[in-house]
Amino acid sequence: SDQLVRVYGRMLDGSMERSSVSAGAFSDFSARNHSFVQLAPFYHETYDVSQPTDRGPTVLKGALVGAGFFETLGVRPAPGRVLFEADGLVALISYSMWQGEFSGDPNVVGKTLRLESGDYEVVGVLPRNFVSPMGEVDVYMPFHMSSPLRDPVRARQSHYLGVIARLKPGVSVSAAQRDLAGISRDLAREHPDSDAGIGVSTMTLRDAMVGDTRTSLLV
């Protein structure tokens, strides 16, 4: 867990210390950094997903995650597999959803999850004790980076991605912060209309999720 890092954008004028990141900035951080084994994007917030059932619509918590999200966290579904960049309408479900909606069916992989937005093939079930950086999530669907990167305005000026990363062995969080800060300064020069005034903030994922409550939680 000490290798897991959360990467935020931050406003250099001090107006916001933890913000989401643009798709363009994420792409450049991934390509230019020297500190991480892997970075992975996810949609910054969960959102409501409607599931039509015989009892009426059920509201689930959904999340979009990029390729490498679960590999970066070191999480392996059981049963099934993770999400890939080339995936279409597929979904990973939480353990509680597997037990509830699918009654713990051992053959759940390959089953159809019918949502308002379409029919999704279940490709895996997450471990019982998995805790997402976004909090409680019922269903995870693939986020494709290629779409926003094709739109020059959306790629740089829309900030909606969360970022997790895994440090290379021997690299500290402070060293990674200096690395990404240097890239951020380069982006400000290269894209002054969209990236000027925006920095980066790096911290352990544990501190990002637990923060100052860690001592009281341990007690």
Protein backbone atom coordinates (compact mmCIF):
# COMPACT_ATOMS: atom_id res chain seq x y z
CA SER A 1 0.00 0.00 0.00
CA ASP A 2 2.95 2.37 0.53
CA GLN A 3 3.56 2.31 -3.23
CA LEU A 4 0.03 3.48 -4.10
CA VAL A 5 -0.35 7.19 -4.82
CA ARG A 6 -3.18 9.57 -5.58
CA VAL A 7 -2.44 12.38 -8.03
CA TYR A 8 -4.49 15.60 -7.95
CA GLY A 9 -4.47 18.79 -9.90
CA ARG A 10 -4.17 21.98 -7.85
CA MET A 11 -4.64 25.66 -8.54
CA LEU A 12 -1.42 27.58 -8.03
CA ASP A 13 -3.34 30.60 -6.71
CA GLY A 14 -4.37 28.49 -3.71
CA SER A 15 -8.07 28.43 -4.57
CA MET A 16 -8.16 24.61 -4.81
CA GLU A 17 -5.66 22.11 -3.43
CA ARG A 18 -7.25 18.90 -4.71
CA SER A 19 -8.91 18.96 -8.10
CA SER A 20 -9.43 16.50 -10.92
CA VAL A 21 -7.13 16.22 -13.93
CA SER A 22 -7.71 16.67 -17.66
CA ALA A 23 -7.33 13.76 -20.07
CA GLY A 24 -4.49 15.56 -21.83
CA ALA A 25 -2.56 16.14 -18.61
CA PHE A 26 -3.06 12.51 -17.57
CA SER A 27 -1.74 11.33 -20.94
CA ASP A 28 1.36 13.53 -20.58
CA PHE A 29 1.97 12.49 -16.97
CA SER A 30 1.83 8.84 -18.10
CA ALA A 31 4.19 9.33 -21.02
CA ARG A 32 6.78 11.61 -19.41
CA ASN A 33 7.13 10.53 -15.79
CA HIS A 34 10.13 8.62 -14.39
CA SER A 35 8.58 7.71 -11.04
CA PHE A 36 5.71 5.30 -11.62
CA VAL A 37 5.26 1.75 -12.80
CA GLN A 38 1.77 2.69 -13.97
CA LEU A 39 -0.83 5.44 -13.77
CA ALA A 40 -4.55 4.82 -14.23
CA PRO A 41 -7.47 7.21 -14.68
CA PHE A 42 -10.99 6.98 -13.33
CA TYR A 43 -14.04 9.20 -13.48
CA HIS A 44 -13.71 11.45 -10.45
CA GLU A 45 -17.12 10.71 -8.93
CA THR A 46 -19.58 7.83 -8.76
CA TYR A 47 -22.90 8.26 -10.50
CA ASP A 48 -26.34 6.70 -10.29
CA VAL A 49 -27.10 3.82 -12.65
CA SER A 50 -30.69 2.71 -13.16
CA GLN A 51 -31.38 -1.02 -13.32
CA PRO A 52 -34.85 -2.03 -14.52
CA THR A 53 -36.23 -4.98 -12.52
CA ASP A 54 -39.57 -6.71 -12.00
CA ARG A 55 -39.87 -4.73 -8.77
CA GLY A 56 -39.29 -1.43 -10.56
CA PRO A 57 -36.09 0.51 -11.20
CA THR A 58 -33.19 -0.05 -8.81
CA VAL A 59 -30.50 2.61 -8.39
CA LEU A 60 -26.92 1.36 -8.34
CA LYS A 61 -23.65 3.22 -7.83
CA GLY A 62 -21.55 3.15 -10.97
CA ALA A 63 -17.99 4.18 -11.78
CA LEU A 64 -15.93 4.51 -14.95
CA VAL A 65 -12.33 3.32 -14.71
CA GLY A 66 -9.54 3.33 -17.25
CA ALA A 67 -7.39 0.45 -18.38
CA GLY A 68 -4.88 -0.54 -15.70
CA PHE A 69 -6.99 0.72 -12.78
CA PHE A 70 -7.26 -2.60 -10.96
CA GLU A 71 -3.76 -3.74 -11.96
CA THR A 72 -2.36 -0.52 -10.47
CA LEU A 73 -4.18 -1.24 -7.22
CA GLY A 74 -3.00 -4.85 -7.27
CA VAL A 75 -6.58 -6.17 -7.22
CA ARG A 76 -7.59 -9.35 -9.00
CA PRO A 77 -11.23 -10.26 -9.54
CA ALA A 78 -12.27 -13.71 -8.41
CA PRO A 79 -13.94 -15.01 -10.47
CA GLY A 80 -13.31 -13.32 -13.79
CA ARG A 81 -10.96 -10.66 -15.14
CA VAL A 82 -10.27 -6.92 -15.06
CA LEU A 83 -11.41 -4.32 -17.62
CA PHE A 84 -9.41 -3.64 -20.78
CA GLU A 85 -9.12 -0.62 -23.08
CA ALA A 86 -10.73 -2.53 -25.96
CA ASP A 87 -13.78 -3.57 -23.91
CA GLY A 88 -17.27 -2.53 -24.97
CA LEU A 89 -20.39 -3.09 -22.86
CA VAL A 90 -18.84 -5.10 -20.05
CA ALA A 91 -18.87 -4.63 -16.29
CA LEU A 92 -17.10 -5.65 -13.10
CA ILE A 93 -19.40 -5.98 -10.12
CA SER A 94 -18.85 -5.72 -6.39
CA TYR A 95 -18.94 -8.74 -4.12
CA SER A 96 -22.13 -7.48 -2.44
CA MET A 97 -23.86 -7.07 -5.79
CA TRP A 98 -22.80 -10.58 -6.77
CA GLN A 99 -24.33 -11.91 -3.56
CA GLY A 100 -27.47 -9.77 -3.88
CA GLU A 101 -28.46 -9.30 -7.51
CA PHE A 102 -26.96 -12.60 -8.70
CA SER A 103 -27.50 -14.64 -5.49
CA GLY A 104 -23.81 -15.60 -5.41
CA ASP A 105 -24.12 -17.53 -8.69
CA PRO A 106 -20.71 -19.22 -9.26
CA ASN A 107 -21.33 -18.95 -13.02
CA VAL A 108 -21.96 -15.20 -12.94
CA VAL A 109 -19.15 -14.43 -15.41
CA GLY A 110 -20.78 -14.12 -18.81
CA LYS A 111 -24.21 -13.24 -17.37
CA THR A 112 -26.02 -10.11 -18.54
CA LEU A 113 -26.45 -7.09 -16.30
CA ARG A 114 -29.34 -5.09 -17.70
CA LEU A 115 -29.01 -1.35 -17.11
CA GLU A 116 -30.93 1.59 -18.47
CA SER A 117 -27.97 2.42 -20.71
CA GLY A 118 -27.76 -1.09 -22.21
CA ASP A 119 -26.98 -4.72 -21.53
CA TYR A 120 -23.55 -5.34 -20.00
CA GLU A 121 -21.69 -8.62 -19.85
CA VAL A 122 -20.35 -9.38 -16.36
CA VAL A 123 -16.65 -10.19 -16.75
CA GLY A 124 -15.64 -10.38 -13.09
CA VAL A 125 -16.41 -10.02 -9.40
CA LEU A 126 -14.24 -7.94 -7.08
CA PRO A 127 -12.95 -9.33 -3.77
CA ARG A 128 -15.19 -9.05 -0.73
CA ASN A 129 -12.87 -6.65 1.12
CA PHE A 130 -12.09 -4.34 -1.82
CA VAL A 131 -12.50 -0.62 -1.06
CA SER A 132 -12.55 1.72 -4.03
CA PRO A 133 -10.87 5.18 -4.01
CA MET A 134 -14.34 6.48 -4.96
CA GLY A 135 -16.05 4.87 -1.99
CA GLU A 136 -18.88 2.37 -2.31
CA VAL A 137 -19.43 1.24 -5.92
CA ASP A 138 -21.72 -1.51 -7.23
CA VAL A 139 -20.63 -1.72 -10.84
CA TYR A 140 -17.49 -0.64 -12.73
CA MET A 141 -17.49 0.01 -16.47
CA PRO A 142 -14.59 0.83 -18.82
CA PHE A 143 -13.56 4.42 -19.46
CA HIS A 144 -11.88 4.90 -22.84
CA MET A 145 -9.21 7.59 -22.99
CA SER A 146 -9.19 7.68 -26.79
CA SER A 147 -12.52 9.52 -26.98
CA PRO A 148 -11.68 12.68 -24.96
CA LEU A 149 -8.16 12.85 -26.39
CA ARG A 150 -9.60 13.20 -29.91
CA ASP A 151 -11.34 16.44 -28.88
CA PRO A 152 -8.71 19.18 -28.39
CA VAL A 153 -11.00 21.31 -26.21
CA ARG A 154 -12.24 18.46 -24.04
CA ALA A 155 -8.76 16.97 -23.77
CA ARG A 156 -7.25 20.00 -22.03
CA GLN A 157 -10.01 22.17 -20.64
CA SER A 158 -12.29 19.58 -19.02
CA HIS A 159 -11.01 18.43 -15.64
CA TYR A 160 -12.90 15.37 -14.46
CA LEU A 161 -10.43 12.52 -14.01
CA GLY A 162 -9.09 11.06 -10.82
CA VAL A 163 -5.64 9.48 -11.03
CA ILE A 164 -4.04 6.65 -9.09
CA ALA A 165 -0.49 5.42 -9.58
CA ARG A 166 2.01 2.88 -8.30
CA LEU A 167 5.53 4.06 -7.47
CA LYS A 168 8.58 2.34 -8.88
CA PRO A 169 10.65 0.52 -6.24
CA GLY A 170 12.82 2.95 -4.30
CA VAL A 171 10.97 6.08 -5.46
CA SER A 172 9.49 8.25 -2.69
CA VAL A 173 6.27 10.24 -2.87
CA SER A 174 8.26 13.47 -2.60
CA ALA A 175 10.46 12.46 -5.56
CA ALA A 176 7.36 11.64 -7.59
CA GLN A 177 5.90 15.02 -6.65
CA ARG A 178 8.99 16.80 -7.99
CA ASP A 179 8.85 14.73 -11.16
CA LEU A 180 5.18 15.53 -11.90
CA ALA A 181 5.61 19.17 -10.88
CA GLY A 182 8.30 19.54 -13.52
CA ILE A 183 6.01 18.01 -16.15
CA SER A 184 3.21 20.32 -15.01
CA ARG A 185 5.44 23.37 -15.53
CA ASP A 186 6.28 22.12 -19.02
CA LEU A 187 2.58 21.74 -19.81
CA ALA A 188 1.91 25.30 -18.66
CA ARG A 189 4.45 26.53 -21.22
CA GLU A 190 3.22 24.23 -23.97
CA HIS A 191 -0.51 24.84 -23.39
CA PRO A 192 -0.81 28.27 -21.77
CA ASP A 193 -4.51 28.64 -22.60
CA SER A 194 -5.50 25.56 -20.63
CA ASP A 195 -2.66 24.50 -18.30
CA ALA A 196 -1.23 27.78 -17.01
CA GLY A 197 -1.88 28.24 -13.31
CA ILE A 198 -2.46 24.53 -12.72
CA GLY A 199 -0.04 22.47 -10.66
CA VAL A 200 -0.07 18.97 -9.27
CA SER A 201 -0.35 17.42 -5.81
CA THR A 202 0.80 13.90 -4.95
CA MET A 203 0.15 11.92 -1.77
CA THR A 204 -0.20 8.30 -0.69
CA LEU A 205 -3.57 6.80 -1.54
CA ARG A 206 -3.98 5.90 2.13
CA ASP A 207 -3.63 9.54 3.19
CA ALA A 208 -5.97 10.64 0.41
CA MET A 209 -8.68 8.20 1.52
CA VAL A 210 -8.21 8.27 5.30
CA GLY A 211 -6.33 11.50 6.01
CA ASP A 212 -6.51 12.92 9.54
CA THR A 213 -9.00 10.29 10.70
CA ARG A 214 -6.43 7.48 10.61
CA THR A 215 -5.56 7.61 14.32
CA SER A 216 -9.17 7.59 15.47
CA LEU A 217 -9.98 4.78 13.05
CA LEU A 218 -7.12 2.72 14.46
CA VAL A 219 -8.41 3.33 17.99
